[in-house]
C-alpha atoms as a PDB file:
ATOM      1  CA  MET A   1      54.396  73.063  -1.447  1.00  0.00           C
ATOM      2  CA  PHE A   2      57.822  72.699  -2.881  1.00  0.00           C
ATOM      3  CA  VAL A   3      58.865  70.474   0.066  1.00  0.00           C
ATOM      4  CA  THR A   4      55.658  68.204  -0.407  1.00  0.00           C
ATOM      5  CA  ILE A   5      56.734  68.028  -4.082  1.00  0.00           C
ATOM      6  CA  LYS A   6      60.249  66.899  -3.152  1.00  0.00           C
ATOM      7  CA  ILE A   7      58.895  64.410  -0.440  1.00  0.00           C
ATOM      8  CA  GLU A   8      56.607  62.831  -3.228  1.00  0.00           C
ATOM      9  CA  ILE A   9      59.528  62.597  -5.755  1.00  0.00           C
ATOM     10  CA  TYR A  10      61.817  60.942  -3.042  1.00  0.00           C
ATOM     11  CA  ILE A  11      58.919  58.376  -2.176  1.00  0.00           C
ATOM     12  CA  MET A  12      58.400  57.672  -5.834  1.00  0.00           C
ATOM     13  CA  LYS A  13      62.215  56.967  -6.436  1.00  0.00           C
ATOM     14  CA  LYS A  14      62.388  54.800  -3.402  1.00  0.00           C
ATOM     15  CA  THR A  15      59.036  52.868  -4.513  1.00  0.00           C
ATOM     16  CA  ILE A  16      60.521  52.375  -8.204  1.00  0.00           C
ATOM     17  CA  SER A  17      63.920  51.080  -6.533  1.00  0.00           C
ATOM     18  CA  PHE A  18      62.222  48.778  -4.194  1.00  0.00           C
ATOM     19  CA  ILE A  19      60.219  47.333  -7.275  1.00  0.00           C
ATOM     20  CA  PHE A  20      63.465  46.884  -9.357  1.00  0.00           C
ATOM     21  CA  LEU A  21      65.263  45.439  -6.231  1.00  0.00           C
ATOM     22  CA  SER A  22      62.151  42.998  -5.839  1.00  0.00           C
ATOM     23  CA  ILE A  23      62.145  41.759  -9.287  1.00  0.00           C
ATOM     24  CA  PHE A  24      66.134  41.475  -9.178  1.00  0.00           C
ATOM     25  CA  LEU A  25      65.916  39.206  -6.226  1.00  0.00           C
ATOM     26  CA  LEU A  26      62.923  37.200  -7.173  1.00  0.00           C
ATOM     27  CA  SER A  27      64.771  36.410 -10.510  1.00  0.00           C
ATOM     28  CA  PHE A  28      67.205  34.530  -8.484  1.00  0.00           C
ATOM     29  CA  ASN A  29      64.522  32.267  -7.294  1.00  0.00           C
ATOM     30  CA  VAL A  30      64.530  30.349 -10.679  1.00  0.00           C
ATOM     31  CA  TYR A  31      67.723  31.184 -12.799  1.00  0.00           C
ATOM     32  CA  ALA A  32      71.155  30.661 -11.317  1.00  0.00           C
ATOM     33  CA  ALA A  33      74.618  31.501 -12.511  1.00  0.00           C
ATOM     34  CA  VAL A  34      75.963  28.439 -14.248  1.00  0.00           C
ATOM     35  CA  SER A  35      78.454  26.788 -12.251  1.00  0.00           C
ATOM     36  CA  GLN A  36      79.658  23.049 -11.662  1.00  0.00           C
ATOM     37  CA  ALA A  37      77.221  21.286  -9.410  1.00  0.00           C
ATOM     38  CA  PRO A  38      78.902  20.003  -6.249  1.00  0.00           C
ATOM     39  CA  ASP A  39      79.054  16.259  -6.283  1.00  0.00           C
ATOM     40  CA  ILE A  40      77.360  14.295  -3.610  1.00  0.00           C
ATOM     41  CA  LYS A  41      77.126  10.555  -2.859  1.00  0.00           C
ATOM     42  CA  LEU A  42      74.372   9.687  -0.432  1.00  0.00           C
ATOM     43  CA  PRO A  43      72.345   6.601   0.709  1.00  0.00           C
ATOM     44  CA  THR A  44      69.063   5.946  -1.034  1.00  0.00           C
ATOM     45  CA  THR A  45      66.014   3.636  -0.263  1.00  0.00           C
ATOM     46  CA  ASP A  46      67.830   0.968  -2.416  1.00  0.00           C
ATOM     47  CA  GLY A  47      71.591   1.641  -2.632  1.00  0.00           C
ATOM     48  CA  ASN A  48      73.296   4.843  -3.108  1.00  0.00           C
ATOM     49  CA  VAL A  49      73.203   7.720  -5.566  1.00  0.00           C
ATOM     50  CA  HIS A  50      76.148   9.449  -6.675  1.00  0.00           C
ATOM     51  CA  LEU A  51      75.673  12.533  -8.579  1.00  0.00           C
ATOM     52  CA  ALA A  52      78.438  12.018 -10.725  1.00  0.00           C
ATOM     53  CA  ASP A  53      77.189   8.900 -12.094  1.00  0.00           C
ATOM     54  CA  LEU A  54      73.997  11.031 -13.547  1.00  0.00           C
ATOM     55  CA  LYS A  55      76.113  13.286 -15.762  1.00  0.00           C
ATOM     56  CA  GLY A  56      74.521  13.142 -19.030  1.00  0.00           C
ATOM     57  CA  LYS A  57      71.256  13.672 -17.695  1.00  0.00           C
ATOM     58  CA  VAL A  58      69.213  16.540 -16.784  1.00  0.00           C
ATOM     59  CA  VAL A  59      68.701  16.075 -12.954  1.00  0.00           C
ATOM     60  CA  TYR A  60      66.415  18.008 -10.783  1.00  0.00           C
ATOM     61  CA  LEU A  61      68.048  17.963  -7.461  1.00  0.00           C
ATOM     62  CA  ASP A  62      65.542  18.566  -4.454  1.00  0.00           C
ATOM     63  CA  PHE A  63      65.988  19.274  -0.715  1.00  0.00           C
ATOM     64  CA  TRP A  64      63.258  18.521   1.464  1.00  0.00           C
ATOM     65  CA  ALA A  65      62.202  17.472   4.936  1.00  0.00           C
ATOM     66  CA  SER A  66      59.223  15.629   6.454  1.00  0.00           C
ATOM     67  CA  TRP A  67      57.913  18.803   8.333  1.00  0.00           C
ATOM     68  CA  CYS A  68      57.849  21.009   5.081  1.00  0.00           C
ATOM     69  CA  LEU A  69      54.507  21.568   3.821  1.00  0.00           C
ATOM     70  CA  PRO A  70      55.478  22.937   0.619  1.00  0.00           C
ATOM     71  CA  CYS A  71      57.668  19.587   0.160  1.00  0.00           C
ATOM     72  CA  LYS A  72      54.535  17.392   0.447  1.00  0.00           C
ATOM     73  CA  LYS A  73      52.839  19.543  -2.336  1.00  0.00           C
ATOM     74  CA  SER A  74      56.031  19.073  -4.533  1.00  0.00           C
ATOM     75  CA  PHE A  75      55.934  15.413  -4.510  1.00  0.00           C
ATOM     76  CA  PRO A  76      53.261  14.733  -6.957  1.00  0.00           C
ATOM     77  CA  TRP A  77      54.379  17.375  -9.338  1.00  0.00           C
ATOM     78  CA  MET A  78      57.924  15.590  -9.194  1.00  0.00           C
ATOM     79  CA  ASN A  79      56.340  12.199  -9.848  1.00  0.00           C
ATOM     80  CA  SER A  80      54.498  13.908 -12.878  1.00  0.00           C
ATOM     81  CA  MET A  81      57.729  15.470 -14.184  1.00  0.00           C
ATOM     82  CA  LYS A  82      59.744  12.456 -13.963  1.00  0.00           C
ATOM     83  CA  LYS A  83      56.987  10.181 -15.835  1.00  0.00           C
ATOM     84  CA  ARG A  84      56.693  12.834 -18.492  1.00  0.00           C
ATOM     85  CA  TYR A  85      60.433  13.195 -19.174  1.00  0.00           C
ATOM     86  CA  ALA A  86      62.417  10.321 -18.107  1.00  0.00           C
ATOM     87  CA  ASP A  87      62.474   8.854 -21.574  1.00  0.00           C
ATOM     88  CA  GLN A  88      64.349  12.040 -22.597  1.00  0.00           C
ATOM     89  CA  GLY A  89      67.025  11.579 -19.866  1.00  0.00           C
ATOM     90  CA  PHE A  90      65.552  13.292 -16.923  1.00  0.00           C
ATOM     91  CA  GLU A  91      65.978  12.390 -13.498  1.00  0.00           C
ATOM     92  CA  ILE A  92      65.067  13.368  -9.899  1.00  0.00           C
ATOM     93  CA  VAL A  93      67.039  13.309  -6.753  1.00  0.00           C
ATOM     94  CA  ALA A  94      65.085  14.054  -3.695  1.00  0.00           C
ATOM     95  CA  VAL A  95      67.494  14.513  -0.692  1.00  0.00           C
ATOM     96  CA  ASN A  96      65.866  14.298   2.610  1.00  0.00           C
ATOM     97  CA  LEU A  97      67.305  16.406   5.228  1.00  0.00           C
ATOM     98  CA  ASP A  98      65.618  14.986   8.486  1.00  0.00           C
ATOM     99  CA  LYS A  99      67.957  14.076  11.389  1.00  0.00           C
ATOM    100  CA  ASP A 100      65.649  11.098  12.278  1.00  0.00           C
ATOM    101  CA  ARG A 101      65.193   8.931   9.019  1.00  0.00           C
ATOM    102  CA  ASN A 102      62.135   7.373  10.702  1.00  0.00           C
ATOM    103  CA  LEU A 103      60.347  10.879   9.843  1.00  0.00           C
ATOM    104  CA  ALA A 104      61.268  10.616   6.352  1.00  0.00           C
ATOM    105  CA  ASP A 105      60.194   7.019   6.085  1.00  0.00           C
ATOM    106  CA  GLU A 106      56.659   7.932   7.418  1.00  0.00           C
ATOM    107  CA  PHE A 107      56.257  10.848   5.065  1.00  0.00           C
ATOM    108  CA  LEU A 108      57.338   8.674   2.097  1.00  0.00           C
ATOM    109  CA  LYS A 109      54.649   5.843   3.222  1.00  0.00           C
ATOM    110  CA  GLN A 110      52.090   8.842   2.448  1.00  0.00           C
ATOM    111  CA  MET A 111      53.690   9.305  -1.066  1.00  0.00           C
ATOM    112  CA  ASN A 112      53.879   7.472  -4.402  1.00  0.00           C
ATOM    113  CA  VAL A 113      57.380   8.002  -5.496  1.00  0.00           C
ATOM    114  CA  ASN A 114      58.671   7.218  -8.651  1.00  0.00           C
ATOM    115  CA  PHE A 115      62.325   8.909  -8.349  1.00  0.00           C
ATOM    116  CA  ILE A 116      65.224   8.547  -6.359  1.00  0.00           C
ATOM    117  CA  VAL A 117      65.135   9.519  -2.728  1.00  0.00           C
ATOM    118  CA  ALA A 118      68.212   9.997  -0.902  1.00  0.00           C
ATOM    119  CA  PHE A 119      69.065  10.746   2.854  1.00  0.00           C
ATOM    120  CA  ASP A 120      71.409  13.049   4.342  1.00  0.00           C
ATOM    121  CA  GLU A 121      70.816  13.169   7.955  1.00  0.00           C
ATOM    122  CA  SER A 122      73.870  15.156   8.702  1.00  0.00           C
ATOM    123  CA  GLY A 123      73.020  17.993   6.282  1.00  0.00           C
ATOM    124  CA  LYS A 124      76.389  18.163   4.372  1.00  0.00           C
ATOM    125  CA  SER A 125      74.886  18.425   0.950  1.00  0.00           C
ATOM    126  CA  ALA A 126      72.724  21.085   1.995  1.00  0.00           C
ATOM    127  CA  SER A 127      75.661  22.954   3.302  1.00  0.00           C
ATOM    128  CA  THR A 128      77.529  22.333  -0.082  1.00  0.00           C
ATOM    129  CA  TYR A 129      74.524  23.746  -1.915  1.00  0.00           C
ATOM    130  CA  LYS A 130      74.236  26.519   0.225  1.00  0.00           C
ATOM    131  CA  LEU A 131      70.402  25.904   0.921  1.00  0.00           C
ATOM    132  CA  ARG A 132      68.643  28.992   1.766  1.00  0.00           C
ATOM    133  CA  GLY A 133      65.009  27.753   2.338  1.00  0.00           C
ATOM    134  CA  MET A 134      62.715  24.494   2.129  1.00  0.00           C
ATOM    135  CA  PRO A 135      62.392  22.985  -0.182  1.00  0.00           C
ATOM    136  CA  SER A 136      65.261  24.104  -2.455  1.00  0.00           C
ATOM    137  CA  SER A 137      65.943  22.698  -5.966  1.00  0.00           C
ATOM    138  CA  TYR A 138      68.656  22.727  -8.451  1.00  0.00           C
ATOM    139  CA  LEU A 139      68.433  21.897 -12.189  1.00  0.00           C
ATOM    140  CA  ILE A 140      71.561  20.488 -13.265  1.00  0.00           C
ATOM    141  CA  GLY A 141      72.191  20.226 -17.068  1.00  0.00           C
ATOM    142  CA  ARG A 142      73.437  17.017 -18.960  1.00  0.00           C
ATOM    143  CA  ASP A 143      77.017  19.039 -18.644  1.00  0.00           C
ATOM    144  CA  GLY A 144      76.913  18.726 -14.889  1.00  0.00           C
ATOM    145  CA  LYS A 145      76.397  22.291 -14.155  1.00  0.00           C
ATOM    146  CA  VAL A 146      73.635  23.953 -12.212  1.00  0.00           C
ATOM    147  CA  HIS A 147      71.578  26.176 -14.616  1.00  0.00           C
ATOM    148  CA  ALA A 148      68.839  27.034 -12.462  1.00  0.00           C
ATOM    149  CA  SER A 149      67.883  26.932  -8.765  1.00  0.00           C
ATOM    150  CA  HIS A 150      64.422  27.527  -6.846  1.00  0.00           C
ATOM    151  CA  ILE A 151      63.363  27.997  -3.411  1.00  0.00           C
ATOM    152  CA  GLY A 152      60.039  26.885  -2.100  1.00  0.00           C
ATOM    153  CA  PHE A 153      57.175  25.329  -4.216  1.00  0.00           C
ATOM    154  CA  LYS A 154      54.118  27.177  -5.317  1.00  0.00           C
ATOM    155  CA  GLU A 155      51.573  26.166  -7.974  1.00  0.00           C
ATOM    156  CA  LYS A 156      52.283  29.351  -9.993  1.00  0.00           C
ATOM    157  CA  ASP A 157      55.919  28.199 -10.204  1.00  0.00           C
ATOM    158  CA  LYS A 158      55.423  24.985 -11.953  1.00  0.00           C
ATOM    159  CA  ASP A 159      54.786  26.164 -15.461  1.00  0.00           C
ATOM    160  CA  GLN A 160      58.303  27.955 -15.212  1.00  0.00           C
ATOM    161  CA  LEU A 161      60.085  25.100 -13.708  1.00  0.00           C
ATOM    162  CA  GLU A 162      59.007  22.888 -16.386  1.00  0.00           C
ATOM    163  CA  GLN A 163      59.877  25.214 -19.096  1.00  0.00           C
ATOM    164  CA  VAL A 164      63.329  25.287 -17.776  1.00  0.00           C
ATOM    165  CA  ILE A 165      63.517  21.434 -17.512  1.00  0.00           C
ATOM    166  CA  LYS A 166      62.280  21.220 -21.099  1.00  0.00           C
ATOM    167  CA  ASN A 167      64.906  23.704 -22.187  1.00  0.00           C
ATOM    168  CA  LEU A 168      67.793  21.736 -20.735  1.00  0.00           C
ATOM    169  CA  LEU A 169      66.573  18.486 -22.105  1.00  0.00           C
ATOM    170  CA  ASN A 170      66.511  20.288 -25.722  1.00  0.00           C
ATOM    171  CA  LYS A 171      70.119  21.271 -25.135  1.00  0.00           C
END
């Protein structure tokens, strides 16, 4: 009986530890330590985008690929956010990481895009931002610092992401 109680206490402690660890790790999915955003300069559909030129704006930097299903779901939301907050100094830069630009072009033919789309076939910008999943996004404040990051795209995350955008726009 005494051994059974000890085992139950041990299991309960491990379960509680697991829950706290999970909450801790999940919190990193939206908020990041504030640090300077690495600068990138990439070709776009109609020129180039240089992240340093966007300082003073709130930038949603999104890394995506044509094969990524959550990426396809994120594009309408990004269009909506751009439309809603553009006049407050909000910009979106969506960086495609396909090695074949034609794949990205085919994907974009299916989307109505109202934001900047950049192309990085080499993946160097993704390495600079230490991508851990697709899509990955970074919210960069007017100060040029990364204030939040997010991996993946789910319906349940949209409200929280929008709130972070609003908070940065109000700073």
